[in-house]
């Protein structure tokens, strides 16, 4: 995965980032209600400069589906629903919801703390 020169990875998670008003809202509600993940996940990478969502099938020179400047993203505390942790993010595209497995609690905590600095 190509990063910019001088950019370093801080936290890597396997989860899903969705817009609560977008096409993933039904899946998000089901996962929160049931407490289990449904469907595929993506690699979420937080670097010292950006928040990246890696594309499932990278196209020529386009490795990422979503790229946010890290300074424009803030995170709320994580809430556990069964074996899913949800973290609400404030981004330039509006509110987004990150859902990760509860077994990644430590990494989710590091992710939240890193965005609060």
N, C-alpha and C. Protein backbone atom coordinates (compact mmCIF):
# COMPACT_ATOMS: atom_id res chain seq x y z
N UNK A 1 0.86 -1.16 0.00
CA UNK A 1 0.00 0.00 0.00
C UNK A 1 0.91 1.23 0.00
N UNK A 2 0.78 2.08 -1.00
CA UNK A 2 1.66 3.25 -1.08
C UNK A 2 1.21 4.38 -0.16
N UNK A 3 2.16 4.92 0.60
CA UNK A 3 1.91 6.10 1.42
C UNK A 3 2.77 7.23 0.88
N UNK A 4 2.41 8.45 1.26
CA UNK A 4 3.20 9.59 0.83
C UNK A 4 4.56 9.56 1.52
N UNK A 5 5.50 10.25 0.94
CA UNK A 5 6.84 10.31 1.51
C UNK A 5 6.80 10.92 2.91
N UNK A 6 7.39 10.24 3.88
CA UNK A 6 7.41 10.73 5.26
C UNK A 6 6.15 10.45 6.05
N UNK A 7 5.20 9.73 5.48
CA UNK A 7 3.94 9.39 6.17
C UNK A 7 4.10 8.04 6.88
N UNK A 8 3.62 7.96 8.12
CA UNK A 8 3.78 6.75 8.91
C UNK A 8 2.43 6.24 9.40
N UNK A 9 2.28 4.92 9.47
CA UNK A 9 1.06 4.28 9.94
C UNK A 9 1.03 4.30 11.47
N UNK A 10 -0.13 4.68 12.03
CA UNK A 10 -0.30 4.67 13.49
C UNK A 10 -1.18 3.52 13.95
N UNK A 11 -2.35 3.36 13.31
CA UNK A 11 -3.30 2.31 13.71
C UNK A 11 -3.88 1.67 12.45
N UNK A 12 -3.98 0.35 12.47
CA UNK A 12 -4.61 -0.40 11.38
C UNK A 12 -5.72 -1.25 11.99
N UNK A 13 -6.93 -1.12 11.43
CA UNK A 13 -8.09 -1.87 11.90
C UNK A 13 -8.75 -2.59 10.74
N UNK A 14 -9.46 -3.63 11.04
CA UNK A 14 -10.30 -4.30 10.05
C UNK A 14 -11.73 -4.01 10.46
N UNK A 15 -12.46 -3.24 9.67
CA UNK A 15 -13.83 -2.88 10.03
C UNK A 15 -14.56 -2.28 8.84
N UNK A 16 -15.59 -1.51 9.16
CA UNK A 16 -16.40 -0.90 8.10
C UNK A 16 -16.72 0.53 8.47
N UNK A 17 -16.56 1.45 7.52
CA UNK A 17 -16.88 2.85 7.69
C UNK A 17 -18.05 3.16 6.79
N UNK A 18 -19.17 3.59 7.39
CA UNK A 18 -20.36 3.86 6.59
C UNK A 18 -20.98 5.20 6.95
N UNK A 19 -21.71 5.73 6.01
CA UNK A 19 -22.51 6.94 6.21
C UNK A 19 -23.86 6.48 6.76
N UNK A 20 -24.28 6.97 7.94
CA UNK A 20 -25.54 6.49 8.52
C UNK A 20 -26.77 6.86 7.70
N UNK A 21 -26.63 7.82 6.79
CA UNK A 21 -27.75 8.17 5.92
C UNK A 21 -27.59 7.61 4.51
N UNK A 22 -26.52 6.87 4.28
CA UNK A 22 -26.23 6.33 2.96
C UNK A 22 -26.71 4.90 2.79
N UNK A 23 -26.18 4.21 1.77
CA UNK A 23 -26.63 2.85 1.47
C UNK A 23 -26.31 1.83 2.55
N UNK A 24 -25.36 2.09 3.44
CA UNK A 24 -25.01 1.14 4.48
C UNK A 24 -25.82 1.27 5.75
N UNK A 25 -26.83 2.14 5.76
CA UNK A 25 -27.57 2.39 7.01
C UNK A 25 -28.36 1.18 7.49
N UNK A 26 -28.93 0.40 6.59
CA UNK A 26 -29.69 -0.78 7.00
C UNK A 26 -28.76 -1.82 7.64
N UNK A 27 -27.62 -2.07 7.00
CA UNK A 27 -26.65 -3.01 7.56
C UNK A 27 -26.16 -2.53 8.91
N UNK A 28 -25.92 -1.23 9.03
CA UNK A 28 -25.46 -0.65 10.29
C UNK A 28 -26.48 -0.88 11.40
N UNK A 29 -27.74 -0.65 11.12
CA UNK A 29 -28.79 -0.86 12.12
C UNK A 29 -28.91 -2.32 12.51
N UNK A 30 -28.80 -3.21 11.54
CA UNK A 30 -28.88 -4.65 11.82
C UNK A 30 -27.72 -5.07 12.71
N UNK A 31 -26.50 -4.62 12.38
CA UNK A 31 -25.33 -5.00 13.18
C UNK A 31 -25.44 -4.46 14.60
N UNK A 32 -25.93 -3.23 14.75
CA UNK A 32 -26.08 -2.66 16.09
C UNK A 32 -27.15 -3.42 16.88
N UNK A 33 -28.26 -3.78 16.24
CA UNK A 33 -29.34 -4.48 16.91
C UNK A 33 -28.95 -5.90 17.28
N UNK A 34 -28.37 -6.62 16.32
CA UNK A 34 -28.03 -8.03 16.53
C UNK A 34 -26.75 -8.17 17.36
N UNK A 35 -25.82 -7.23 17.22
CA UNK A 35 -24.57 -7.30 17.96
C UNK A 35 -23.50 -8.14 17.28
N UNK A 36 -23.68 -8.42 16.00
CA UNK A 36 -22.70 -9.17 15.22
C UNK A 36 -22.48 -8.45 13.89
N UNK A 37 -21.26 -8.61 13.37
CA UNK A 37 -20.97 -8.01 12.07
C UNK A 37 -21.64 -8.80 10.96
N UNK A 38 -22.10 -8.08 9.95
CA UNK A 38 -22.74 -8.68 8.79
C UNK A 38 -22.03 -8.14 7.56
N UNK A 39 -21.57 -9.00 6.69
CA UNK A 39 -20.94 -8.53 5.45
C UNK A 39 -19.44 -8.37 5.57
N UNK A 40 -18.88 -7.82 4.50
CA UNK A 40 -17.43 -7.69 4.37
C UNK A 40 -16.89 -6.49 5.12
N UNK A 41 -15.62 -6.57 5.48
CA UNK A 41 -14.92 -5.49 6.16
C UNK A 41 -13.80 -4.98 5.28
N UNK A 42 -13.29 -3.83 5.64
CA UNK A 42 -12.17 -3.24 4.92
C UNK A 42 -11.05 -2.92 5.89
N UNK A 43 -9.86 -2.71 5.36
CA UNK A 43 -8.75 -2.25 6.16
C UNK A 43 -8.89 -0.74 6.33
N UNK A 44 -8.89 -0.28 7.57
CA UNK A 44 -8.95 1.14 7.92
C UNK A 44 -7.57 1.50 8.46
N UNK A 45 -6.91 2.46 7.84
CA UNK A 45 -5.55 2.82 8.20
C UNK A 45 -5.52 4.28 8.63
N UNK A 46 -5.03 4.52 9.84
CA UNK A 46 -4.84 5.88 10.33
C UNK A 46 -3.35 6.17 10.31
N UNK A 47 -2.96 7.16 9.51
CA UNK A 47 -1.55 7.55 9.45
C UNK A 47 -1.39 8.86 10.21
N UNK A 48 -0.17 9.36 10.24
CA UNK A 48 0.05 10.63 10.91
C UNK A 48 -0.54 11.81 10.13
N UNK A 49 -1.01 11.58 8.89
CA UNK A 49 -1.59 12.64 8.07
C UNK A 49 -3.02 12.40 7.61
N UNK A 50 -3.38 11.11 7.39
CA UNK A 50 -4.68 10.82 6.77
C UNK A 50 -5.38 9.63 7.41
N UNK A 51 -6.70 9.56 7.17
CA UNK A 51 -7.51 8.38 7.48
C UNK A 51 -7.84 7.74 6.14
N UNK A 52 -7.46 6.48 5.97
CA UNK A 52 -7.60 5.79 4.69
C UNK A 52 -8.47 4.55 4.83
N UNK A 53 -9.33 4.31 3.84
CA UNK A 53 -10.08 3.06 3.74
C UNK A 53 -9.60 2.38 2.46
N UNK A 54 -8.95 1.24 2.62
CA UNK A 54 -8.36 0.54 1.49
C UNK A 54 -9.45 -0.10 0.65
N UNK A 55 -9.36 0.07 -0.67
CA UNK A 55 -10.33 -0.51 -1.61
C UNK A 55 -10.21 -2.03 -1.60
N UNK A 56 -11.35 -2.74 -1.74
CA UNK A 56 -11.28 -4.21 -1.73
C UNK A 56 -10.53 -4.76 -2.95
N UNK A 57 -10.66 -4.09 -4.09
CA UNK A 57 -9.97 -4.48 -5.32
C UNK A 57 -9.32 -3.23 -5.90
N UNK A 58 -8.08 -2.93 -5.47
CA UNK A 58 -7.43 -1.69 -5.92
C UNK A 58 -7.33 -1.62 -7.44
N UNK A 59 -7.68 -0.46 -7.96
CA UNK A 59 -7.56 -0.20 -9.38
C UNK A 59 -6.17 0.40 -9.64
N UNK A 60 -5.79 0.55 -10.87
CA UNK A 60 -4.47 1.08 -11.22
C UNK A 60 -4.22 2.41 -10.55
N UNK A 61 -3.29 2.44 -9.60
CA UNK A 61 -2.91 3.67 -8.94
C UNK A 61 -3.91 4.22 -7.94
N UNK A 62 -5.03 3.53 -7.71
CA UNK A 62 -6.06 4.00 -6.79
C UNK A 62 -6.30 2.93 -5.72
N UNK A 63 -5.56 3.03 -4.63
CA UNK A 63 -5.61 2.02 -3.58
C UNK A 63 -6.71 2.25 -2.57
N UNK A 64 -7.25 3.48 -2.50
CA UNK A 64 -8.14 3.83 -1.39
C UNK A 64 -9.53 4.25 -1.89
N UNK A 65 -10.57 3.77 -1.20
CA UNK A 65 -11.94 4.20 -1.49
C UNK A 65 -12.24 5.53 -0.83
N UNK A 66 -11.73 5.73 0.37
CA UNK A 66 -11.99 6.94 1.14
C UNK A 66 -10.68 7.47 1.68
N UNK A 67 -10.48 8.78 1.55
CA UNK A 67 -9.29 9.44 2.10
C UNK A 67 -9.75 10.74 2.77
N UNK A 68 -9.46 10.88 4.06
CA UNK A 68 -9.76 12.11 4.81
C UNK A 68 -8.47 12.66 5.38
N UNK A 69 -8.36 13.98 5.40
CA UNK A 69 -7.27 14.62 6.11
C UNK A 69 -7.52 14.39 7.60
N UNK A 70 -6.53 13.90 8.29
CA UNK A 70 -6.70 13.53 9.69
C UNK A 70 -7.11 14.71 10.57
N UNK A 71 -6.65 15.91 10.24
CA UNK A 71 -6.98 17.10 11.04
C UNK A 71 -8.46 17.45 10.97
N UNK A 72 -9.17 16.93 9.97
CA UNK A 72 -10.59 17.24 9.79
C UNK A 72 -11.50 16.14 10.33
N UNK A 73 -10.93 15.13 10.99
CA UNK A 73 -11.70 14.00 11.50
C UNK A 73 -11.58 13.97 13.02
N UNK A 74 -12.73 13.79 13.69
CA UNK A 74 -12.72 13.62 15.14
C UNK A 74 -13.59 12.41 15.48
N UNK A 75 -13.29 11.78 16.60
CA UNK A 75 -13.97 10.54 16.99
C UNK A 75 -14.64 10.70 18.35
N UNK A 76 -15.80 10.06 18.49
CA UNK A 76 -16.45 9.96 19.80
C UNK A 76 -15.92 8.69 20.46
N UNK A 77 -16.32 8.46 21.69
CA UNK A 77 -15.89 7.23 22.35
C UNK A 77 -16.64 6.05 21.73
N UNK A 78 -16.04 4.89 21.79
CA UNK A 78 -16.65 3.70 21.22
C UNK A 78 -17.74 3.14 22.12
N UNK A 79 -18.77 2.58 21.50
CA UNK A 79 -19.87 1.96 22.23
C UNK A 79 -19.96 0.51 21.78
N UNK A 80 -20.00 -0.41 22.74
CA UNK A 80 -20.05 -1.83 22.43
C UNK A 80 -21.49 -2.31 22.34
N UNK A 81 -21.79 -3.00 21.24
CA UNK A 81 -23.10 -3.65 21.02
C UNK A 81 -22.81 -5.11 20.70
N UNK A 82 -22.94 -6.01 21.67
CA UNK A 82 -22.61 -7.41 21.43
C UNK A 82 -21.13 -7.55 21.16
N UNK A 83 -20.78 -8.09 19.99
CA UNK A 83 -19.35 -8.19 19.66
C UNK A 83 -18.95 -7.18 18.58
N UNK A 84 -19.65 -6.03 18.55
CA UNK A 84 -19.34 -4.94 17.62
C UNK A 84 -19.13 -3.66 18.43
N UNK A 85 -18.07 -2.93 18.11
CA UNK A 85 -17.84 -1.61 18.70
C UNK A 85 -18.12 -0.58 17.63
N UNK A 86 -18.98 0.39 17.93
CA UNK A 86 -19.27 1.47 16.99
C UNK A 86 -18.62 2.76 17.49
N UNK A 87 -18.02 3.48 16.56
CA UNK A 87 -17.37 4.75 16.85
C UNK A 87 -17.91 5.77 15.86
N UNK A 88 -18.52 6.84 16.36
CA UNK A 88 -19.01 7.88 15.46
C UNK A 88 -17.88 8.84 15.15
N UNK A 89 -17.74 9.16 13.87
CA UNK A 89 -16.71 10.06 13.40
C UNK A 89 -17.35 11.29 12.77
N UNK A 90 -16.76 12.43 13.01
CA UNK A 90 -17.16 13.67 12.36
C UNK A 90 -16.13 13.92 11.26
N UNK A 91 -16.57 13.95 10.00
CA UNK A 91 -15.67 14.08 8.86
C UNK A 91 -16.14 15.22 7.95
N UNK A 92 -15.33 15.58 6.95
CA UNK A 92 -15.78 16.60 5.98
C UNK A 92 -17.04 16.17 5.21
N UNK A 93 -17.30 14.89 5.10
CA UNK A 93 -18.51 14.39 4.43
C UNK A 93 -19.69 14.27 5.39
N UNK A 94 -19.51 14.72 6.61
CA UNK A 94 -20.57 14.59 7.61
C UNK A 94 -20.27 13.44 8.55
N UNK A 95 -21.30 13.03 9.26
CA UNK A 95 -21.15 11.96 10.24
C UNK A 95 -20.93 10.62 9.54
N UNK A 96 -19.96 9.84 10.06
CA UNK A 96 -19.67 8.50 9.58
C UNK A 96 -19.63 7.59 10.80
N UNK A 97 -19.90 6.30 10.59
CA UNK A 97 -19.87 5.34 11.69
C UNK A 97 -18.85 4.26 11.35
N UNK A 98 -17.91 4.05 12.26
CA UNK A 98 -16.92 2.99 12.12
C UNK A 98 -17.35 1.84 13.02
N UNK A 99 -17.45 0.63 12.45
CA UNK A 99 -17.81 -0.56 13.20
C UNK A 99 -16.68 -1.57 13.09
N UNK A 100 -16.19 -2.00 14.26
CA UNK A 100 -15.09 -2.97 14.33
C UNK A 100 -15.48 -4.09 15.29
N UNK A 101 -14.89 -5.26 15.15
CA UNK A 101 -15.17 -6.35 16.09
C UNK A 101 -14.69 -5.99 17.50
N UNK A 102 -15.40 -6.45 18.50
CA UNK A 102 -15.06 -6.15 19.90
C UNK A 102 -13.70 -6.73 20.28
N UNK A 103 -13.25 -7.75 19.59
CA UNK A 103 -11.94 -8.32 19.90
C UNK A 103 -10.82 -7.34 19.56
N UNK A 104 -11.12 -6.28 18.79
CA UNK A 104 -10.13 -5.26 18.46
C UNK A 104 -10.28 -4.03 19.37
N UNK A 105 -10.76 -4.26 20.59
CA UNK A 105 -11.02 -3.16 21.53
C UNK A 105 -9.79 -2.30 21.77
N UNK A 106 -8.64 -2.92 21.94
CA UNK A 106 -7.40 -2.17 22.20
C UNK A 106 -7.06 -1.27 21.02
N UNK A 107 -7.13 -1.81 19.80
CA UNK A 107 -6.82 -1.01 18.62
C UNK A 107 -7.85 0.09 18.41
N UNK A 108 -9.14 -0.21 18.68
CA UNK A 108 -10.18 0.82 18.57
C UNK A 108 -9.91 1.96 19.55
N UNK A 109 -9.48 1.62 20.77
CA UNK A 109 -9.13 2.64 21.75
C UNK A 109 -7.95 3.49 21.30
N UNK A 110 -6.94 2.85 20.73
CA UNK A 110 -5.79 3.59 20.20
C UNK A 110 -6.21 4.52 19.06
N UNK A 111 -7.13 4.03 18.21
CA UNK A 111 -7.64 4.82 17.10
C UNK A 111 -8.36 6.08 17.61
N UNK A 112 -9.23 5.91 18.60
CA UNK A 112 -9.98 7.04 19.17
C UNK A 112 -9.03 8.03 19.82
N UNK A 113 -8.10 7.54 20.64
CA UNK A 113 -7.14 8.43 21.31
C UNK A 113 -6.29 9.20 20.30
N UNK A 114 -5.88 8.54 19.23
CA UNK A 114 -5.05 9.19 18.22
C UNK A 114 -5.81 10.32 17.52
N UNK A 115 -7.11 10.14 17.30
CA UNK A 115 -7.90 11.19 16.65
C UNK A 115 -8.25 12.34 17.60
N UNK A 116 -8.14 12.11 18.89
CA UNK A 116 -8.45 13.17 19.86
C UNK A 116 -7.26 14.06 20.16
N UNK A 117 -6.07 13.69 19.70
CA UNK A 117 -4.88 14.51 19.94
C UNK A 117 -4.89 15.75 19.11
